[in-house]
Structures are given as structure tokens and as C-alpha cells.
Amino acid sequence: MADPYKAGLDHIRAGRYFEAHEELELVWRRAPPAERDFYQGLVHVAVAWYQAGRGRPVATARQLEKGMRRLEAFEPAHCGVDIGALRRQLRAAHGTVLGGSLDLPPPQL
């Protein structure tokens, strides 16, 4: 059986944001309480880029905001993810969306 955490990260890296959301949601729902915000934050990352691809600026901005907030406690790094760098990317993407564009560079995990 595949590891849904690894699969979720691989989907994000490949630009398959809906699939990433599905895999990471499995991990989030099973995670112990102390880890839930980390996994839910990654779900928000995937959903933000998915919503951007659907042309939904308000939903994209909200997901980016939620991702930044949920991941903050896990800086500088957690479970092999550079959370500091990821949060900087989320802030930059949020600024892009607020500036009127959904042309977001893919997140680098």
C-alpha cells in the first residue's frame, strides 16, 4: 500500500493538486492531534493551487491564508518539508492573488 503522505507530496510536486488533496486529507484525518495542523496546512496548499487553476481568486486567497496559519507552528522544518520556505512561497502567492493574478509558480516542497 502506498504512503498517502509521500503520494500527496509527489502529487503537489507534479502539479496534481486535486489528487494531492485527496491523499493528504487521508493523512490529516488519521493524524494525532499534535500533527493535524501540519497535514491540514498541506491540504490547504494543494487546494489553493487547485482553486487557482479553476480561476477562483477568493477561494485561492483563503486557502493560502489558512495554509500559512496552520503551518506556522511547524517552522523551520517538519517531516522533510522546509516549512519556512513553503510559507514564504505562500505569502508570495497570496500577494500575487491580491494583486489580481492567479498565475502562481508551483509550490516547491
PDB file of N, CA and C in Angstrom:
ATOM      1  N   MET A   1       0.845  -1.175   0.000  1.00  0.00           N
ATOM      2  CA  MET A   1       0.000   0.000   0.000  1.00  0.00           C
ATOM      3  C   MET A   1       0.901   1.253   0.000  1.00  0.00           C
ATOM      4  N   ALA A   2       0.560   2.217  -0.794  1.00  0.00           N
ATOM      5  CA  ALA A   2       1.349   3.446  -0.913  1.00  0.00           C
ATOM      6  C   ALA A   2       1.172   4.312   0.328  1.00  0.00           C
ATOM      7  N   ASP A   3       2.199   5.073   0.655  1.00  0.00           N
ATOM      8  CA  ASP A   3       2.151   6.017   1.766  1.00  0.00           C
ATOM      9  C   ASP A   3       1.429   7.273   1.277  1.00  0.00           C
ATOM     10  N   PRO A   4       0.240   7.582   1.835  1.00  0.00           N
ATOM     11  CA  PRO A   4      -0.507   8.738   1.327  1.00  0.00           C
ATOM     12  C   PRO A   4       0.208  10.078   1.541  1.00  0.00           C
ATOM     13  N   TYR A   5       1.049  10.179   2.577  1.00  0.00           N
ATOM     14  CA  TYR A   5       1.808  11.417   2.777  1.00  0.00           C
ATOM     15  C   TYR A   5       2.789  11.619   1.631  1.00  0.00           C
ATOM     16  N   LYS A   6       3.581  10.606   1.343  1.00  0.00           N
ATOM     17  CA  LYS A   6       4.540  10.687   0.245  1.00  0.00           C
ATOM     18  C   LYS A   6       3.818  10.904  -1.080  1.00  0.00           C
ATOM     19  N   ALA A   7       2.726  10.170  -1.284  1.00  0.00           N
ATOM     20  CA  ALA A   7       1.954  10.321  -2.525  1.00  0.00           C
ATOM     21  C   ALA A   7       1.412  11.739  -2.654  1.00  0.00           C
ATOM     22  N   GLY A   8       0.926  12.302  -1.541  1.00  0.00           N
ATOM     23  CA  GLY A   8       0.397  13.665  -1.581  1.00  0.00           C
ATOM     24  C   GLY A   8       1.460  14.676  -1.970  1.00  0.00           C
ATOM     25  N   LEU A   9       2.651  14.552  -1.361  1.00  0.00           N
ATOM     26  CA  LEU A   9       3.743  15.462  -1.725  1.00  0.00           C
ATOM     27  C   LEU A   9       4.149  15.274  -3.179  1.00  0.00           C
ATOM     28  N   ASP A  10       4.213  14.024  -3.625  1.00  0.00           N
ATOM     29  CA  ASP A  10       4.560  13.759  -5.028  1.00  0.00           C
ATOM     30  C   ASP A  10       3.533  14.370  -5.977  1.00  0.00           C
ATOM     31  N   HIS A  11       2.256  14.304  -5.612  1.00  0.00           N
ATOM     32  CA  HIS A  11       1.207  14.911  -6.452  1.00  0.00           C
ATOM     33  C   HIS A  11       1.374  16.433  -6.510  1.00  0.00           C
ATOM     34  N   ILE A  12       1.671  17.056  -5.371  1.00  0.00           N
ATOM     35  CA  ILE A  12       1.886  18.512  -5.393  1.00  0.00           C
ATOM     36  C   ILE A  12       3.053  18.840  -6.310  1.00  0.00           C
ATOM     37  N   ARG A  13       4.149  18.120  -6.158  1.00  0.00           N
ATOM     38  CA  ARG A  13       5.336  18.376  -6.983  1.00  0.00           C
ATOM     39  C   ARG A  13       5.055  18.201  -8.470  1.00  0.00           C
ATOM     40  N   ALA A  14       4.100  17.324  -8.802  1.00  0.00           N
ATOM     41  CA  ALA A  14       3.759  17.057 -10.196  1.00  0.00           C
ATOM     42  C   ALA A  14       2.622  17.948 -10.703  1.00  0.00           C
ATOM     43  N   GLY A  15       2.104  18.816  -9.830  1.00  0.00           N
ATOM     44  CA  GLY A  15       1.017  19.701 -10.255  1.00  0.00           C
ATOM     45  C   GLY A  15      -0.352  19.048 -10.262  1.00  0.00           C
ATOM     46  N   ARG A  16      -0.487  17.929  -9.585  1.00  0.00           N
ATOM     47  CA  ARG A  16      -1.785  17.231  -9.492  1.00  0.00           C
ATOM     48  C   ARG A  16      -2.399  17.579  -8.138  1.00  0.00           C
ATOM     49  N   TYR A  17      -2.957  18.771  -8.058  1.00  0.00           N
ATOM     50  CA  TYR A  17      -3.376  19.323  -6.780  1.00  0.00           C
ATOM     51  C   TYR A  17      -4.630  18.666  -6.223  1.00  0.00           C
ATOM     52  N   PHE A  18      -5.566  18.297  -7.055  1.00  0.00           N
ATOM     53  CA  PHE A  18      -6.756  17.605  -6.549  1.00  0.00           C
ATOM     54  C   PHE A  18      -6.363  16.261  -5.940  1.00  0.00           C
ATOM     55  N   GLU A  19      -5.524  15.520  -6.637  1.00  0.00           N
ATOM     56  CA  GLU A  19      -5.077  14.225  -6.141  1.00  0.00           C
ATOM     57  C   GLU A  19      -4.263  14.385  -4.856  1.00  0.00           C
ATOM     58  N   ALA A  20      -3.456  15.435  -4.796  1.00  0.00           N
ATOM     59  CA  ALA A  20      -2.679  15.712  -3.582  1.00  0.00           C
ATOM     60  C   ALA A  20      -3.612  15.941  -2.407  1.00  0.00           C
ATOM     61  N   HIS A  21      -4.633  16.720  -2.636  1.00  0.00           N
ATOM     62  CA  HIS A  21      -5.626  16.992  -1.585  1.00  0.00           C
ATOM     63  C   HIS A  21      -6.248  15.700  -1.080  1.00  0.00           C
ATOM     64  N   GLU A  22      -6.607  14.830  -1.978  1.00  0.00           N
ATOM     65  CA  GLU A  22      -7.244  13.560  -1.588  1.00  0.00           C
ATOM     66  C   GLU A  22      -6.314  12.728  -0.707  1.00  0.00           C
ATOM     67  N   GLU A  23      -5.061  12.597  -1.098  1.00  0.00           N
ATOM     68  CA  GLU A  23      -4.098  11.784  -0.337  1.00  0.00           C
ATOM     69  C   GLU A  23      -3.794  12.415   1.025  1.00  0.00           C
ATOM     70  N   LEU A  24      -3.541  13.721   1.019  1.00  0.00           N
ATOM     71  CA  LEU A  24      -3.165  14.386   2.261  1.00  0.00           C
ATOM     72  C   LEU A  24      -4.333  14.468   3.240  1.00  0.00           C
ATOM     73  N   GLU A  25      -5.535  14.506   2.721  1.00  0.00           N
ATOM     74  CA  GLU A  25      -6.696  14.502   3.607  1.00  0.00           C
ATOM     75  C   GLU A  25      -6.785  13.183   4.376  1.00  0.00           C
ATOM     76  N   LEU A  26      -6.413  12.083   3.737  1.00  0.00           N
ATOM     77  CA  LEU A  26      -6.381  10.791   4.433  1.00  0.00           C
ATOM     78  C   LEU A  26      -5.421  10.842   5.620  1.00  0.00           C
ATOM     79  N   VAL A  27      -4.253  11.425   5.411  1.00  0.00           N
ATOM     80  CA  VAL A  27      -3.242  11.519   6.466  1.00  0.00           C
ATOM     81  C   VAL A  27      -3.743  12.446   7.575  1.00  0.00           C
ATOM     82  N   TRP A  28      -4.277  13.577   7.198  1.00  0.00           N
ATOM     83  CA  TRP A  28      -4.769  14.556   8.161  1.00  0.00           C
ATOM     84  C   TRP A  28      -5.826  13.939   9.068  1.00  0.00           C
ATOM     85  N   ARG A  29      -6.760  13.226   8.506  1.00  0.00           N
ATOM     86  CA  ARG A  29      -7.854  12.653   9.309  1.00  0.00           C
ATOM     87  C   ARG A  29      -7.370  11.597  10.298  1.00  0.00           C
ATOM     88  N   ARG A  30      -6.275  10.918   9.993  1.00  0.00           N
ATOM     89  CA  ARG A  30      -5.732   9.868  10.865  1.00  0.00           C
ATOM     90  C   ARG A  30      -4.659  10.369  11.822  1.00  0.00           C
ATOM     91  N   ALA A  31      -4.224  11.587  11.638  1.00  0.00           N
ATOM     92  CA  ALA A  31      -3.086  12.110  12.409  1.00  0.00           C
ATOM     93  C   ALA A  31      -3.455  12.359  13.867  1.00  0.00           C
ATOM     94  N   PRO A  32      -2.469  12.204  14.746  1.00  0.00           N
ATOM     95  CA  PRO A  32      -2.704  12.583  16.144  1.00  0.00           C
ATOM     96  C   PRO A  32      -2.934  14.090  16.232  1.00  0.00           C
ATOM     97  N   PRO A  33      -3.626  14.541  17.268  1.00  0.00           N
ATOM     98  CA  PRO A  33      -3.970  15.968  17.362  1.00  0.00           C
ATOM     99  C   PRO A  33      -2.783  16.928  17.183  1.00  0.00           C
ATOM    100  N   ALA A  34      -1.618  16.589  17.697  1.00  0.00           N
ATOM    101  CA  ALA A  34      -0.464  17.489  17.592  1.00  0.00           C
ATOM    102  C   ALA A  34       0.040  17.653  16.161  1.00  0.00           C
ATOM    103  N   GLU A  35      -0.326  16.753  15.273  1.00  0.00           N
ATOM    104  CA  GLU A  35       0.149  16.786  13.886  1.00  0.00           C
ATOM    105  C   GLU A  35      -0.916  17.265  12.897  1.00  0.00           C
ATOM    106  N   ARG A  36      -2.133  17.392  13.327  1.00  0.00           N
ATOM    107  CA  ARG A  36      -3.230  17.688  12.389  1.00  0.00           C
ATOM    108  C   ARG A  36      -3.049  19.001  11.650  1.00  0.00           C
ATOM    109  N   ASP A  37      -2.603  20.040  12.355  1.00  0.00           N
ATOM    110  CA  ASP A  37      -2.436  21.328  11.672  1.00  0.00           C
ATOM    111  C   ASP A  37      -1.403  21.234  10.555  1.00  0.00           C
ATOM    112  N   PHE A  38      -0.352  20.455  10.755  1.00  0.00           N
ATOM    113  CA  PHE A  38       0.658  20.295   9.706  1.00  0.00           C
ATOM    114  C   PHE A  38       0.033  19.710   8.442  1.00  0.00           C
ATOM    115  N   TYR A  39      -0.651  18.605   8.597  1.00  0.00           N
ATOM    116  CA  TYR A  39      -1.232  17.944   7.427  1.00  0.00           C
ATOM    117  C   TYR A  39      -2.363  18.768   6.822  1.00  0.00           C
ATOM    118  N   GLN A  40      -3.165  19.397   7.674  1.00  0.00           N
ATOM    119  CA  GLN A  40      -4.230  20.232   7.143  1.00  0.00           C
ATOM    120  C   GLN A  40      -3.643  21.429   6.400  1.00  0.00           C
ATOM    121  N   GLY A  41      -2.524  21.959   6.898  1.00  0.00           N
ATOM    122  CA  GLY A  41      -1.864  23.050   6.184  1.00  0.00           C
ATOM    123  C   GLY A  41      -1.437  22.643   4.789  1.00  0.00           C
ATOM    124  N   LEU A  42      -0.926  21.418   4.662  1.00  0.00           N
ATOM    125  CA  LEU A  42      -0.543  20.919   3.330  1.00  0.00           C
ATOM    126  C   LEU A  42      -1.767  20.722   2.445  1.00  0.00           C
ATOM    127  N   VAL A  43      -2.873  20.298   3.044  1.00  0.00           N
ATOM    128  CA  VAL A  43      -4.129  20.189   2.278  1.00  0.00           C
ATOM    129  C   VAL A  43      -4.496  21.564   1.739  1.00  0.00           C
ATOM    130  N   HIS A  44      -4.388  22.596   2.563  1.00  0.00           N
ATOM    131  CA  HIS A  44      -4.705  23.959   2.113  1.00  0.00           C
ATOM    132  C   HIS A  44      -3.792  24.395   0.971  1.00  0.00           C
ATOM    133  N   VAL A  45      -2.537  24.011   1.022  1.00  0.00           N
ATOM    134  CA  VAL A  45      -1.609  24.334  -0.073  1.00  0.00           C
ATOM    135  C   VAL A  45      -2.123  23.718  -1.378  1.00  0.00           C
ATOM    136  N   ALA A  46      -2.423  22.433  -1.332  1.00  0.00           N
ATOM    137  CA  ALA A  46      -2.903  21.751  -2.542  1.00  0.00           C
ATOM    138  C   ALA A  46      -4.191  22.380  -3.060  1.00  0.00           C
ATOM    139  N   VAL A  47      -5.114  22.665  -2.159  1.00  0.00           N
ATOM    140  CA  VAL A  47      -6.404  23.229  -2.568  1.00  0.00           C
ATOM    141  C   VAL A  47      -6.234  24.642  -3.109  1.00  0.00           C
ATOM    142  N   ALA A  48      -5.295  25.418  -2.551  1.00  0.00           N
ATOM    143  CA  ALA A  48      -5.066  26.775  -3.070  1.00  0.00           C
ATOM    144  C   ALA A  48      -4.674  26.725  -4.542  1.00  0.00           C
ATOM    145  N   TRP A  49      -3.723  25.860  -4.873  1.00  0.00           N
ATOM    146  CA  TRP A  49      -3.290  25.782  -6.276  1.00  0.00           C
ATOM    147  C   TRP A  49      -4.380  25.170  -7.157  1.00  0.00           C
ATOM    148  N   TYR A  50      -5.146  24.257  -6.626  1.00  0.00           N
ATOM    149  CA  TYR A  50      -6.276  23.700  -7.372  1.00  0.00           C
ATOM    150  C   TYR A  50      -7.288  24.805  -7.694  1.00  0.00           C
ATOM    151  N   GLN A  51      -7.617  25.629  -6.678  1.00  0.00           N
ATOM    152  CA  GLN A  51      -8.577  26.714  -6.894  1.00  0.00           C
ATOM    153  C   GLN A  51      -8.028  27.757  -7.862  1.00  0.00           C
ATOM    154  N   ALA A  52      -6.732  28.023  -7.799  1.00  0.00           N
ATOM    155  CA  ALA A  52      -6.134  28.962  -8.759  1.00  0.00           C
ATOM    156  C   ALA A  52      -6.327  28.437 -10.176  1.00  0.00           C
ATOM    157  N   GLY A  53      -6.136  27.139 -10.358  1.00  0.00           N
ATOM    158  CA  GLY A  53      -6.325  26.533 -11.669  1.00  0.00           C
ATOM    159  C   GLY A  53      -7.760  26.592 -12.155  1.00  0.00           C
ATOM    160  N   ARG A  54      -8.682  26.717 -11.230  1.00  0.00           N
ATOM    161  CA  ARG A  54     -10.104  26.823 -11.573  1.00  0.00           C
ATOM    162  C   ARG A  54     -10.536  28.277 -11.752  1.00  0.00           C
ATOM    163  N   GLY A  55      -9.591  29.215 -11.575  1.00  0.00           N
ATOM    164  CA  GLY A  55      -9.918  30.625 -11.765  1.00  0.00           C
ATOM    165  C   GLY A  55     -10.697  31.241 -10.619  1.00  0.00           C
ATOM    166  N   ARG A  56     -10.455  30.783  -9.394  1.00  0.00           N
ATOM    167  CA  ARG A  56     -11.218  31.241  -8.231  1.00  0.00           C
ATOM    168  C   ARG A  56     -10.320  32.017  -7.257  1.00  0.00           C
ATOM    169  N   PRO A  57     -10.183  33.323  -7.460  1.00  0.00           N
ATOM    170  CA  PRO A  57      -9.257  34.107  -6.640  1.00  0.00           C
ATOM    171  C   PRO A  57      -9.610  34.167  -5.157  1.00  0.00           C
ATOM    172  N   VAL A  58     -10.870  34.302  -4.814  1.00  0.00           N
ATOM    173  CA  VAL A  58     -11.248  34.401  -3.400  1.00  0.00           C
ATOM    174  C   VAL A  58     -10.932  33.088  -2.690  1.00  0.00           C
ATOM    175  N   ALA A  59     -11.318  31.985  -3.285  1.00  0.00           N
ATOM    176  CA  ALA A  59     -11.036  30.679  -2.681  1.00  0.00           C
ATOM    177  C   ALA A  59      -9.532  30.431  -2.587  1.00  0.00           C
ATOM    178  N   THR A  60      -8.798  30.846  -3.602  1.00  0.00           N
ATOM    179  CA  THR A  60      -7.343  30.678  -3.590  1.00  0.00           C
ATOM    180  C   THR A  60      -6.732  31.461  -2.441  1.00  0.00           C
ATOM    181  N   ALA A  61      -7.102  32.722  -2.314  1.00  0.00           N
ATOM    182  CA  ALA A  61      -6.555  33.562  -1.242  1.00  0.00           C
ATOM    183  C   ALA A  61      -6.878  32.980   0.126  1.00  0.00           C
ATOM    184  N   ARG A  62      -8.085  32.512   0.320  1.00  0.00           N
ATOM    185  CA  ARG A  62      -8.471  31.946   1.620  1.00  0.00           C
ATOM    186  C   ARG A  62      -7.674  30.694   1.945  1.00  0.00           C
ATOM    187  N   GLN A  63      -7.481  29.851   0.963  1.00  0.00           N
ATOM    188  CA  GLN A  63      -6.709  28.629   1.201  1.00  0.00           C
ATOM    189  C   GLN A  63      -5.247  28.959   1.513  1.00  0.00           C
ATOM    190  N   LEU A  64      -4.688  29.939   0.831  1.00  0.00           N
ATOM    191  CA  LEU A  64      -3.315  30.358   1.117  1.00  0.00           C
ATOM    192  C   LEU A  64      -3.202  30.892   2.547  1.00  0.00           C
ATOM    193  N   GLU A  65      -4.174  31.701   2.955  1.00  0.00           N
ATOM    194  CA  GLU A  65      -4.174  32.243   4.314  1.00  0.00           C
ATOM    195  C   GLU A  65      -4.241  31.114   5.347  1.00  0.00           C
ATOM    196  N   LYS A  66      -5.127  30.157   5.125  1.00  0.00           N
ATOM    197  CA  LYS A  66      -5.270  29.033   6.054  1.00  0.00           C
ATOM    198  C   LYS A  66      -3.990  28.199   6.102  1.00  0.00           C
ATOM    199  N   GLY A  67      -3.387  27.976   4.951  1.00  0.00           N
ATOM    200  CA  GLY A  67      -2.147  27.205   4.908  1.00  0.00           C
ATOM    201  C   GLY A  67      -1.035  27.898   5.678  1.00  0.00           C
ATOM    202  N   MET A  68      -0.885  29.202   5.478  1.00  0.00           N
ATOM    203  CA  MET A  68       0.145  29.952   6.202  1.00  0.00           C
ATOM    204  C   MET A  68      -0.060  29.844   7.713  1.00  0.00           C
ATOM    205  N   ARG A  69      -1.300  29.994   8.131  1.00  0.00           N
ATOM    206  CA  ARG A  69      -1.613  29.967   9.559  1.00  0.00           C
ATOM    207  C   ARG A  69      -1.376  28.573  10.163  1.00  0.00           C
ATOM    208  N   ARG A  70      -1.831  27.542   9.504  1.00  0.00           N
ATOM    209  CA  ARG A  70      -1.710  26.183  10.044  1.00  0.00           C
ATOM    210  C   ARG A  70      -0.255  25.708  10.102  1.00  0.00           C
ATOM    211  N   LEU A  71       0.546  26.134   9.148  1.00  0.00           N
ATOM    212  CA  LEU A  71       1.930  25.645   9.073  1.00  0.00           C
ATOM    213  C   LEU A  71       2.905  26.424   9.950  1.00  0.00           C
ATOM    214  N   GLU A  72       2.509  27.567  10.423  1.00  0.00           N
ATOM    215  CA  GLU A  72       3.424  28.440  11.159  1.00  0.00           C
ATOM    216  C   GLU A  72       4.112  27.733  12.333  1.00  0.00           C
ATOM    217  N   ALA A  73       3.393  26.980  13.103  1.00  0.00           N
ATOM    218  CA  ALA A  73       3.957  26.337  14.297  1.00  0.00           C
ATOM    219  C   ALA A  73       4.994  25.270  13.970  1.00  0.00           C
ATOM    220  N   PHE A  74       5.090  24.885  12.707  1.00  0.00           N
ATOM    221  CA  PHE A  74       5.984  23.790  12.319  1.00  0.00           C
ATOM    222  C   PHE A  74       7.292  24.280  11.700  1.00  0.00           C
ATOM    223  N   GLU A  75       7.500  25.611  11.693  1.00  0.00           N
ATOM    224  CA  GLU A  75       8.771  26.144  11.205  1.00  0.00           C
ATOM    225  C   GLU A  75       9.880  25.756  12.164  1.00  0.00           C
ATOM    226  N   PRO A  76      11.063  25.585  11.701  1.00  0.00           N
ATOM    227  CA  PRO A  76      11.552  25.841  10.348  1.00  0.00           C
ATOM    228  C   PRO A  76      11.317  24.676   9.384  1.00  0.00           C
ATOM    229  N   ALA A  77      11.228  23.457   9.896  1.00  0.00           N
ATOM    230  CA  ALA A  77      11.031  22.290   9.019  1.00  0.00           C
ATOM    231  C   ALA A  77      10.278  21.227   9.804  1.00  0.00           C
ATOM    232  N   HIS A  78       9.561  20.389   9.054  1.00  0.00           N
ATOM    233  CA  HIS A  78       8.798  19.311   9.688  1.00  0.00           C
ATOM    234  C   HIS A  78       8.566  18.207   8.669  1.00  0.00           C
ATOM    235  N   CYS A  79       8.799  16.992   9.089  1.00  0.00           N
ATOM    236  CA  CYS A  79       8.543  15.802   8.246  1.00  0.00           C
ATOM    237  C   CYS A  79       9.137  15.934   6.845  1.00  0.00           C
ATOM    238  N   GLY A  80      10.345  16.480   6.769  1.00  0.00           N
ATOM    239  CA  GLY A  80      11.029  16.578   5.494  1.00  0.00           C
ATOM    240  C   GLY A  80      10.622  17.754   4.624  1.00  0.00           C
ATOM    241  N   VAL A  81       9.802  18.656   5.147  1.00  0.00           N
ATOM    242  CA  VAL A  81       9.356  19.824   4.381  1.00  0.00           C
ATOM    243  C   VAL A  81       9.951  21.081   5.027  1.00  0.00           C
ATOM    244  N   ASP A  82      10.577  21.920   4.225  1.00  0.00           N
ATOM    245  CA  ASP A  82      11.105  23.201   4.689  1.00  0.00           C
ATOM    246  C   ASP A  82       9.916  24.160   4.826  1.00  0.00           C
ATOM    247  N   ILE A  83       9.368  24.211   6.020  1.00  0.00           N
ATOM    248  CA  ILE A  83       8.153  24.989   6.258  1.00  0.00           C
ATOM    249  C   ILE A  83       8.419  26.490   6.106  1.00  0.00           C
ATOM    250  N   GLY A  84       9.581  26.951   6.523  1.00  0.00           N
ATOM    251  CA  GLY A  84       9.903  28.368   6.350  1.00  0.00           C
ATOM    252  C   GLY A  84       9.856  28.773   4.888  1.00  0.00           C
ATOM    253  N   ALA A  85      10.484  27.982   4.052  1.00  0.00           N
ATOM    254  CA  ALA A  85      10.490  28.277   2.610  1.00  0.00           C
ATOM    255  C   ALA A  85       9.083  28.164   2.028  1.00  0.00           C
ATOM    256  N   LEU A  86       8.341  27.164   2.461  1.00  0.00           N
ATOM    257  CA  LEU A  86       6.983  26.984   1.947  1.00  0.00           C
ATOM    258  C   LEU A  86       6.101  28.164   2.340  1.00  0.00           C
ATOM    259  N   ARG A  87       6.210  28.619   3.569  1.00  0.00           N
ATOM    260  CA  ARG A  87       5.395  29.759   3.997  1.00  0.00           C
ATOM    261  C   ARG A  87       5.781  31.025   3.236  1.00  0.00           C
ATOM    262  N   ARG A  88       7.054  31.196   2.916  1.00  0.00           N
ATOM    263  CA  ARG A  88       7.446  32.349   2.087  1.00  0.00           C
ATOM    264  C   ARG A  88       6.793  32.258   0.709  1.00  0.00           C
ATOM    265  N   GLN A  89       6.737  31.052   0.153  1.00  0.00           N
ATOM    266  CA  GLN A  89       6.074  30.858  -1.137  1.00  0.00           C
ATOM    267  C   GLN A  89       4.575  31.168  -1.041  1.00  0.00           C
ATOM    268  N   LEU A  90       3.971  30.752   0.061  1.00  0.00           N
ATOM    269  CA  LEU A  90       2.540  31.020   0.249  1.00  0.00           C
ATOM    270  C   LEU A  90       2.281  32.517   0.368  1.00  0.00           C
ATOM    271  N   ARG A  91       3.143  33.221   1.092  1.00  0.00           N
ATOM    272  CA  ARG A  91       2.993  34.687   1.201  1.00  0.00           C
ATOM    273  C   ARG A  91       3.143  35.352  -0.171  1.00  0.00           C
ATOM    274  N   ALA A  92       4.114  34.916  -0.941  1.00  0.00           N
ATOM    275  CA  ALA A  92       4.310  35.488  -2.278  1.00  0.00           C
ATOM    276  C   ALA A  92       3.108  35.195  -3.169  1.00  0.00           C
ATOM    277  N   ALA A  93       2.610  33.973  -3.106  1.00  0.00           N
ATOM    278  CA  ALA A  93       1.437  33.609  -3.907  1.00  0.00           C
ATOM    279  C   ALA A  93       0.226  34.432  -3.472  1.00  0.00           C
ATOM    280  N   HIS A  94       0.084  34.637  -2.182  1.00  0.00           N
ATOM    281  CA  HIS A  94      -1.035  35.436  -1.669  1.00  0.00           C
ATOM    282  C   HIS A  94      -0.949  36.861  -2.211  1.00  0.00           C
ATOM    283  N   GLY A  95       0.242  37.428  -2.223  1.00  0.00           N
ATOM    284  CA  GLY A  95       0.419  38.763  -2.791  1.00  0.00           C
ATOM    285  C   GLY A  95       0.071  38.807  -4.267  1.00  0.00           C
ATOM    286  N   THR A  96       0.430  37.767  -4.984  1.00  0.00           N
ATOM    287  CA  THR A  96       0.093  37.686  -6.413  1.00  0.00           C
ATOM    288  C   THR A  96      -1.418  37.680  -6.602  1.00  0.00           C
ATOM    289  N   VAL A  97      -2.103  36.870  -5.806  1.00  0.00           N
ATOM    290  CA  VAL A  97      -3.563  36.774  -5.910  1.00  0.00           C
ATOM    291  C   VAL A  97      -4.207  38.107  -5.549  1.00  0.00           C
ATOM    292  N   LEU A  98      -3.753  38.714  -4.462  1.00  0.00           N
ATOM    293  CA  LEU A  98      -4.316  40.009  -4.069  1.00  0.00           C
ATOM    294  C   LEU A  98      -4.037  41.079  -5.119  1.00  0.00           C
ATOM    295  N   GLY A  99      -2.960  40.900  -5.890  1.00  0.00           N
ATOM    296  CA  GLY A  99      -2.634  41.816  -6.978  1.00  0.00           C
ATOM    297  C   GLY A  99      -3.438  41.570  -8.241  1.00  0.00           C
ATOM    298  N   GLY A 100      -4.298  40.552  -8.223  1.00  0.00           N
ATOM    299  CA  GLY A 100      -5.202  40.321  -9.347  1.00  0.00           C
ATOM    300  C   GLY A 100      -4.798  39.218 -10.303  1.00  0.00           C
ATOM    301  N   SER A 101      -3.806  38.427  -9.952  1.00  0.00           N
ATOM    302  CA  SER A 101      -3.365  37.357 -10.848  1.00  0.00           C
ATOM    303  C   SER A 101      -3.458  35.998 -10.159  1.00  0.00           C
ATOM    304  N   LEU A 102      -3.778  34.997 -10.933  1.00  0.00           N
ATOM    305  CA  LEU A 102      -3.762  33.612 -10.455  1.00  0.00           C
ATOM    306  C   LEU A 102      -2.631  32.829 -11.114  1.00  0.00           C
ATOM    307  N   ASP A 103      -1.713  33.545 -11.713  1.00  0.00           N
ATOM    308  CA  ASP A 103      -0.558  32.919 -12.354  1.00  0.00           C
ATOM    309  C   ASP A 103       0.507  32.641 -11.280  1.00  0.00           C
ATOM    310  N   LEU A 104       0.330  31.529 -10.576  1.00  0.00           N
ATOM    311  CA  LEU A 104       1.185  31.195  -9.446  1.00  0.00           C
ATOM    312  C   LEU A 104       2.249  30.196  -9.864  1.00  0.00           C
ATOM    313  N   PRO A 105       3.499  30.438  -9.478  1.00  0.00           N
ATOM    314  CA  PRO A 105       4.509  29.404  -9.718  1.00  0.00           C
ATOM    315  C   PRO A 105       4.180  28.201  -8.829  1.00  0.00           C
ATOM    316  N   PRO A 106       4.455  27.002  -9.295  1.00  0.00           N
ATOM    317  CA  PRO A 106       4.134  25.821  -8.480  1.00  0.00           C
ATOM    318  C   PRO A 106       4.892  25.838  -7.163  1.00  0.00           C
ATOM    319  N   PRO A 107       4.266  25.344  -6.110  1.00  0.00           N
ATOM    320  CA  PRO A 107       4.965  25.293  -4.825  1.00  0.00           C
ATOM    321  C   PRO A 107       6.121  24.311  -4.892  1.00  0.00           C
ATOM    322  N   GLN A 108       7.220  24.683  -4.273  1.00  0.00           N
ATOM    323  CA  GLN A 108       8.404  23.829  -4.219  1.00  0.00           C
ATOM    324  C   GLN A 108       8.494  23.220  -2.825  1.00  0.00           C
ATOM    325  N   LEU A 109       8.335  21.921  -2.775  1.00  0.00           N
ATOM    326  CA  LEU A 109       8.395  21.212  -1.492  1.00  0.00           C
ATOM    327  C   LEU A 109       9.633  20.349  -1.457  1.00  0.00           C
TER     328      LEU A 109
END
